[in-house]
Amino acid sequence: MSAGQSPCQIVKQFLPEKKVDVLRLSGELDAHTSKQVQAAINELFAAGHCQLVIDLQNLTYMSSAGAGLFIVVQSEAEEKGGQVVLVNPAPPARYVFDLLGLTAQFRIADTEQAALERF
């Protein structure tokens, strides 16, 4: 983690009417904290939940490990018949996606409501 920054926080919410899990991430997403996020998502997959909205608007930092996490999560969700929609990536996340040429690889919505409309 960068000095003065916070670790990645995860807030999970299940929306039964849509059968979608919303994860709101804040703080830093790097090689260390991406393991925490992956574990939280693996719990959802193990419970049969594979429709995910992941809100990135409050990330203060994201490394390439964070981008790699989303590639893996998207692939796993699709293998299980689900999908992942990312919401409003904060500038640090958007920068990494653009730098690595990954922006077009993801479903990205400007708002959580717009993301939920894709399900």
C-alpha atoms as a PDB file:
ATOM      1  CA  MET A   1       0.000   0.000   0.000  1.00  0.00           C
ATOM      2  CA  SER A   2       1.052   3.564  -0.593  1.00  0.00           C
ATOM      3  CA  ALA A   3       1.835   5.674   2.431  1.00  0.00           C
ATOM      4  CA  GLY A   4      -1.248   7.394   3.788  1.00  0.00           C
ATOM      5  CA  GLN A   5      -3.677   5.299   1.781  1.00  0.00           C
ATOM      6  CA  SER A   6      -6.217   2.844   3.086  1.00  0.00           C
ATOM      7  CA  PRO A   7      -6.483  -0.877   2.340  1.00  0.00           C
ATOM      8  CA  CYS A   8      -9.244  -2.050   0.063  1.00  0.00           C
ATOM      9  CA  GLN A   9     -12.638  -2.070   1.727  1.00  0.00           C
ATOM     10  CA  ILE A  10     -15.435  -4.264   0.375  1.00  0.00           C
ATOM     11  CA  VAL A  11     -19.128  -3.703   0.946  1.00  0.00           C
ATOM     12  CA  LYS A  12     -21.344  -6.499  -0.413  1.00  0.00           C
ATOM     13  CA  GLN A  13     -25.068  -6.333  -1.075  1.00  0.00           C
ATOM     14  CA  PHE A  14     -27.319  -8.971  -2.646  1.00  0.00           C
ATOM     15  CA  LEU A  15     -30.284  -7.713  -4.667  1.00  0.00           C
ATOM     16  CA  PRO A  16     -32.696 -10.666  -4.691  1.00  0.00           C
ATOM     17  CA  GLU A  17     -35.097  -9.110  -7.197  1.00  0.00           C
ATOM     18  CA  LYS A  18     -32.284  -9.020  -9.783  1.00  0.00           C
ATOM     19  CA  LYS A  19     -30.302 -11.985  -8.409  1.00  0.00           C
ATOM     20  CA  VAL A  20     -27.244  -9.738  -8.556  1.00  0.00           C
ATOM     21  CA  ASP A  21     -24.494  -9.147  -6.021  1.00  0.00           C
ATOM     22  CA  VAL A  22     -23.144  -5.606  -5.800  1.00  0.00           C
ATOM     23  CA  LEU A  23     -19.630  -5.152  -4.465  1.00  0.00           C
ATOM     24  CA  ARG A  24     -18.477  -1.632  -3.670  1.00  0.00           C
ATOM     25  CA  LEU A  25     -14.713  -1.313  -3.424  1.00  0.00           C
ATOM     26  CA  SER A  26     -12.858   1.593  -1.883  1.00  0.00           C
ATOM     27  CA  GLY A  27      -9.251   2.319  -0.995  1.00  0.00           C
ATOM     28  CA  GLU A  28      -6.363   0.552  -2.692  1.00  0.00           C
ATOM     29  CA  LEU A  29      -6.488  -2.516  -4.898  1.00  0.00           C
ATOM     30  CA  ASP A  30      -3.036  -4.008  -5.319  1.00  0.00           C
ATOM     31  CA  ALA A  31      -1.303  -7.400  -5.252  1.00  0.00           C
ATOM     32  CA  HIS A  32      -2.021  -7.804  -1.534  1.00  0.00           C
ATOM     33  CA  THR A  33      -5.573  -6.524  -1.334  1.00  0.00           C
ATOM     34  CA  SER A  34      -6.667  -8.197  -4.571  1.00  0.00           C
ATOM     35  CA  LYS A  35      -6.391 -11.520  -2.706  1.00  0.00           C
ATOM     36  CA  GLN A  36      -8.948 -10.257  -0.181  1.00  0.00           C
ATOM     37  CA  VAL A  37     -11.307  -9.218  -2.981  1.00  0.00           C
ATOM     38  CA  GLN A  38     -10.781 -12.528  -4.803  1.00  0.00           C
ATOM     39  CA  ALA A  39     -11.650 -14.430  -1.607  1.00  0.00           C
ATOM     40  CA  ALA A  40     -14.881 -12.437  -1.195  1.00  0.00           C
ATOM     41  CA  ILE A  41     -15.838 -13.137  -4.809  1.00  0.00           C
ATOM     42  CA  ASN A  42     -14.925 -16.814  -4.507  1.00  0.00           C
ATOM     43  CA  GLU A  43     -17.397 -17.057  -1.606  1.00  0.00           C
ATOM     44  CA  LEU A  44     -20.102 -15.672  -3.886  1.00  0.00           C
ATOM     45  CA  PHE A  45     -19.210 -18.109  -6.665  1.00  0.00           C
ATOM     46  CA  ALA A  46     -19.237 -21.017  -4.190  1.00  0.00           C
ATOM     47  CA  ALA A  47     -22.771 -19.998  -3.182  1.00  0.00           C
ATOM     48  CA  GLY A  48     -23.855 -20.038  -6.830  1.00  0.00           C
ATOM     49  CA  HIS A  49     -23.832 -16.260  -7.244  1.00  0.00           C
ATOM     50  CA  CYS A  50     -22.271 -15.298 -10.568  1.00  0.00           C
ATOM     51  CA  GLN A  51     -24.057 -12.075 -11.533  1.00  0.00           C
ATOM     52  CA  LEU A  52     -21.822  -9.300 -10.229  1.00  0.00           C
ATOM     53  CA  VAL A  53     -21.775  -5.530 -10.278  1.00  0.00           C
ATOM     54  CA  ILE A  54     -18.468  -4.181  -8.996  1.00  0.00           C
ATOM     55  CA  ASP A  55     -18.402  -0.494  -8.154  1.00  0.00           C
ATOM     56  CA  LEU A  56     -14.924   1.007  -8.586  1.00  0.00           C
ATOM     57  CA  GLN A  57     -15.685   4.697  -8.168  1.00  0.00           C
ATOM     58  CA  ASN A  58     -14.085   4.938  -4.718  1.00  0.00           C
ATOM     59  CA  LEU A  59     -10.771   3.263  -5.473  1.00  0.00           C
ATOM     60  CA  THR A  60      -7.853   5.548  -4.657  1.00  0.00           C
ATOM     61  CA  TYR A  61      -5.262   3.264  -6.262  1.00  0.00           C
ATOM     62  CA  MET A  62      -5.231   0.188  -8.487  1.00  0.00           C
ATOM     63  CA  SER A  63      -2.213  -1.772  -9.688  1.00  0.00           C
ATOM     64  CA  SER A  64      -2.038  -4.132 -12.638  1.00  0.00           C
ATOM     65  CA  ALA A  65      -2.792  -6.925 -10.140  1.00  0.00           C
ATOM     66  CA  GLY A  66      -6.221  -5.359  -9.683  1.00  0.00           C
ATOM     67  CA  ALA A  67      -6.782  -5.424 -13.435  1.00  0.00           C
ATOM     68  CA  GLY A  68      -5.688  -9.059 -13.504  1.00  0.00           C
ATOM     69  CA  LEU A  69      -8.190  -9.835 -10.773  1.00  0.00           C
ATOM     70  CA  PHE A  70     -11.051  -8.504 -12.893  1.00  0.00           C
ATOM     71  CA  ILE A  71      -9.935 -10.538 -15.913  1.00  0.00           C
ATOM     72  CA  VAL A  72     -10.031 -13.722 -13.807  1.00  0.00           C
ATOM     73  CA  VAL A  73     -13.346 -12.838 -12.139  1.00  0.00           C
ATOM     74  CA  GLN A  74     -15.009 -12.020 -15.450  1.00  0.00           C
ATOM     75  CA  SER A  75     -13.808 -15.293 -16.967  1.00  0.00           C
ATOM     76  CA  GLU A  76     -14.998 -17.339 -13.981  1.00  0.00           C
ATOM     77  CA  ALA A  77     -18.385 -15.625 -13.923  1.00  0.00           C
ATOM     78  CA  GLU A  78     -18.900 -16.267 -17.647  1.00  0.00           C
ATOM     79  CA  GLU A  79     -17.904 -19.934 -17.247  1.00  0.00           C
ATOM     80  CA  LYS A  80     -20.677 -20.197 -14.638  1.00  0.00           C
ATOM     81  CA  GLY A  81     -23.229 -18.520 -16.921  1.00  0.00           C
ATOM     82  CA  GLY A  82     -22.962 -15.126 -15.255  1.00  0.00           C
ATOM     83  CA  GLN A  83     -21.479 -11.768 -16.020  1.00  0.00           C
ATOM     84  CA  VAL A  84     -19.586  -8.916 -14.394  1.00  0.00           C
ATOM     85  CA  VAL A  85     -20.322  -5.232 -14.913  1.00  0.00           C
ATOM     86  CA  LEU A  86     -17.851  -2.688 -13.564  1.00  0.00           C
ATOM     87  CA  VAL A  87     -19.226   0.662 -12.410  1.00  0.00           C
ATOM     88  CA  ASN A  88     -17.601   4.034 -12.957  1.00  0.00           C
ATOM     89  CA  PRO A  89     -13.924   3.141 -12.494  1.00  0.00           C
ATOM     90  CA  ALA A  90     -12.143   5.886 -10.561  1.00  0.00           C
ATOM     91  CA  PRO A  91      -9.318   7.619 -12.461  1.00  0.00           C
ATOM     92  CA  PRO A  92      -6.603   5.324 -11.006  1.00  0.00           C
ATOM     93  CA  ALA A  93      -8.516   2.226 -12.170  1.00  0.00           C
ATOM     94  CA  ARG A  94      -9.436   3.712 -15.550  1.00  0.00           C
ATOM     95  CA  TYR A  95      -5.772   4.639 -16.088  1.00  0.00           C
ATOM     96  CA  VAL A  96      -4.609   1.044 -15.496  1.00  0.00           C
ATOM     97  CA  PHE A  97      -7.314  -0.410 -17.765  1.00  0.00           C
ATOM     98  CA  ASP A  98      -6.406   2.075 -20.515  1.00  0.00           C
ATOM     99  CA  LEU A  99      -2.649   1.620 -20.074  1.00  0.00           C
ATOM    100  CA  LEU A 100      -2.972  -2.160 -20.396  1.00  0.00           C
ATOM    101  CA  GLY A 101      -5.443  -1.922 -23.285  1.00  0.00           C
ATOM    102  CA  LEU A 102      -8.149  -3.670 -21.262  1.00  0.00           C
ATOM    103  CA  THR A 103     -10.956  -1.111 -21.221  1.00  0.00           C
ATOM    104  CA  ALA A 104     -12.747  -2.756 -24.160  1.00  0.00           C
ATOM    105  CA  GLN A 105     -12.484  -6.174 -22.464  1.00  0.00           C
ATOM    106  CA  PHE A 106     -14.922  -5.230 -19.706  1.00  0.00           C
ATOM    107  CA  ARG A 107     -18.571  -4.270 -19.461  1.00  0.00           C
ATOM    108  CA  ILE A 108     -18.429  -0.818 -17.881  1.00  0.00           C
ATOM    109  CA  ALA A 109     -21.408   1.272 -16.800  1.00  0.00           C
ATOM    110  CA  ASP A 110     -21.408   4.889 -15.667  1.00  0.00           C
ATOM    111  CA  THR A 111     -23.773   4.271 -12.749  1.00  0.00           C
ATOM    112  CA  GLU A 112     -24.875   1.382 -10.576  1.00  0.00           C
ATOM    113  CA  GLN A 113     -28.413   1.739 -11.935  1.00  0.00           C
ATOM    114  CA  ALA A 114     -27.137   1.476 -15.516  1.00  0.00           C
ATOM    115  CA  ALA A 115     -25.152  -1.629 -14.538  1.00  0.00           C
ATOM    116  CA  LEU A 116     -28.204  -3.264 -12.972  1.00  0.00           C
ATOM    117  CA  GLU A 117     -30.214  -2.655 -16.135  1.00  0.00           C
ATOM    118  CA  ARG A 118     -27.869  -5.066 -17.948  1.00  0.00           C
ATOM    119  CA  PHE A 119     -29.261  -8.011 -15.971  1.00  0.00           C
END
